């Protein structure tokens, strides 16, 4: 199976909140859904606490790279659907729409 952005299985993996929580080692409290985000399949903005129950409520911009058949063939991953890389940044404003993201709520 080819895990492209059009693939149903790819979308199932990337849309699963539990996957994002495992990948980021956090408990997600809410997502900022921005209609100006042109990379909606693999990029998320969310407010989260770390899994050690430290109440942080920080906002993150996260981008996930999920393996497809090509990465497995090239030996960059062991299986299709595996997380290859996750990049995360603390943010205070949405980089797509400019909204201020506060620790208690979106303004």
Protein backbone atom coordinates (compact mmCIF):
# COMPACT_ATOMS: atom_id res chain seq x y z
CA UNK A 1 0.00 0.00 0.00
CA UNK A 2 1.31 3.45 -0.85
CA UNK A 3 0.89 5.97 1.98
CA UNK A 4 0.43 9.13 -0.02
CA UNK A 5 -1.56 12.11 1.16
CA UNK A 6 -4.52 10.73 -0.81
CA UNK A 7 -4.33 7.32 0.88
CA UNK A 8 -7.14 6.48 3.30
CA UNK A 9 -4.74 4.58 5.55
CA UNK A 10 -2.28 7.49 5.58
CA UNK A 11 -5.09 9.87 6.56
CA UNK A 12 -6.25 7.46 9.28
CA UNK A 13 -2.74 7.41 10.76
CA UNK A 14 -2.16 11.16 10.51
CA UNK A 15 -5.66 12.08 11.80
CA UNK A 16 -5.46 9.89 14.91
CA UNK A 17 -5.02 12.15 17.95
CA UNK A 18 -3.45 9.27 19.90
CA UNK A 19 -0.68 9.05 17.28
CA UNK A 20 0.08 12.76 17.67
CA UNK A 21 0.10 12.33 21.47
CA UNK A 22 2.50 9.37 21.26
CA UNK A 23 4.75 11.07 18.73
CA UNK A 24 4.94 14.29 20.77
CA UNK A 25 4.94 12.62 24.21
CA UNK A 26 2.12 14.90 25.29
CA UNK A 27 -1.57 15.05 26.12
CA UNK A 28 -3.30 17.22 23.55
CA UNK A 29 -5.89 19.61 24.96
CA UNK A 30 -7.06 21.26 21.73
CA UNK A 31 -6.17 21.82 18.12
CA UNK A 32 -6.10 25.16 16.33
CA UNK A 33 -7.78 24.50 12.99
CA UNK A 34 -6.60 27.15 10.58
CA UNK A 35 -8.09 27.41 7.11
CA UNK A 36 -4.89 29.14 5.94
CA UNK A 37 -2.76 26.08 6.76
CA UNK A 38 -1.94 24.70 3.31
CA UNK A 39 -0.23 21.59 4.73
CA UNK A 40 -3.22 20.19 6.60
CA UNK A 41 -2.39 16.50 6.29
CA UNK A 42 0.97 16.45 8.08
CA UNK A 43 1.10 19.72 10.04
CA UNK A 44 -0.82 20.39 13.23
CA UNK A 45 -1.07 23.22 15.75
CA UNK A 46 -2.10 22.06 19.19
CA UNK A 47 -2.09 23.01 22.87
CA UNK A 48 -0.72 20.24 25.09
CA UNK A 49 0.70 19.14 28.42
CA UNK A 50 3.62 16.76 28.58
CA UNK A 51 2.93 13.15 29.58
CA UNK A 52 4.58 13.64 32.98
CA UNK A 53 1.46 15.63 33.93
CA UNK A 54 3.29 18.92 34.06
CA UNK A 55 0.58 21.45 33.32
CA UNK A 56 2.19 23.55 30.64
CA UNK A 57 -0.61 24.23 28.11
CA UNK A 58 1.94 25.40 25.56
CA UNK A 59 1.06 25.71 21.88
CA UNK A 60 3.10 23.74 19.35
CA UNK A 61 3.51 23.69 15.61
CA UNK A 62 4.25 20.07 14.67
CA UNK A 63 5.05 18.45 11.33
CA UNK A 64 5.15 14.67 10.94
CA UNK A 65 6.93 12.67 8.25
CA UNK A 66 5.29 9.26 7.88
CA UNK A 67 6.95 6.42 5.93
CA UNK A 68 5.48 5.16 2.69
CA UNK A 69 6.59 2.21 0.53
CA UNK A 70 9.43 4.23 -0.96
CA UNK A 71 10.98 4.97 2.45
CA UNK A 72 10.72 1.28 3.39
CA UNK A 73 12.28 0.24 0.06
CA UNK A 74 15.08 2.81 0.57
CA UNK A 75 15.58 1.42 4.12
CA UNK A 76 14.74 4.75 5.72
CA UNK A 77 11.96 3.02 7.71
CA UNK A 78 11.12 -0.54 8.75
CA UNK A 79 7.40 -0.40 7.96
CA UNK A 80 4.87 1.68 6.09
CA UNK A 81 3.18 4.16 8.43
CA UNK A 82 6.20 4.47 10.74
CA UNK A 83 7.04 7.92 12.05
CA UNK A 84 10.32 8.96 10.46
CA UNK A 85 10.57 12.45 11.91
CA UNK A 86 8.54 14.84 14.00
CA UNK A 87 9.54 18.50 14.18
CA UNK A 88 7.92 20.60 16.90
CA UNK A 89 8.22 24.26 17.85
CA UNK A 90 6.73 26.31 20.68
CA UNK A 91 4.59 29.07 19.21
CA UNK A 92 2.54 32.01 20.53
CA UNK A 93 0.92 32.95 17.21
CA UNK A 94 -0.41 30.84 14.36
CA UNK A 95 2.13 31.12 11.53
CA UNK A 96 -0.65 30.75 8.96
CA UNK A 97 -3.37 33.18 10.11
CA UNK A 98 -1.55 35.25 12.75
CA UNK A 99 -3.98 34.56 15.62
CA UNK A 100 -2.53 34.84 19.10
CA UNK A 101 -2.58 31.50 20.87
CA UNK A 102 -2.91 31.81 24.64
CA UNK A 103 -2.28 29.12 27.19
CA UNK A 104 -5.88 29.15 28.40
CA UNK A 105 -7.69 29.59 25.05
CA UNK A 106 -7.48 30.79 21.48
CA UNK A 107 -8.13 34.52 21.12
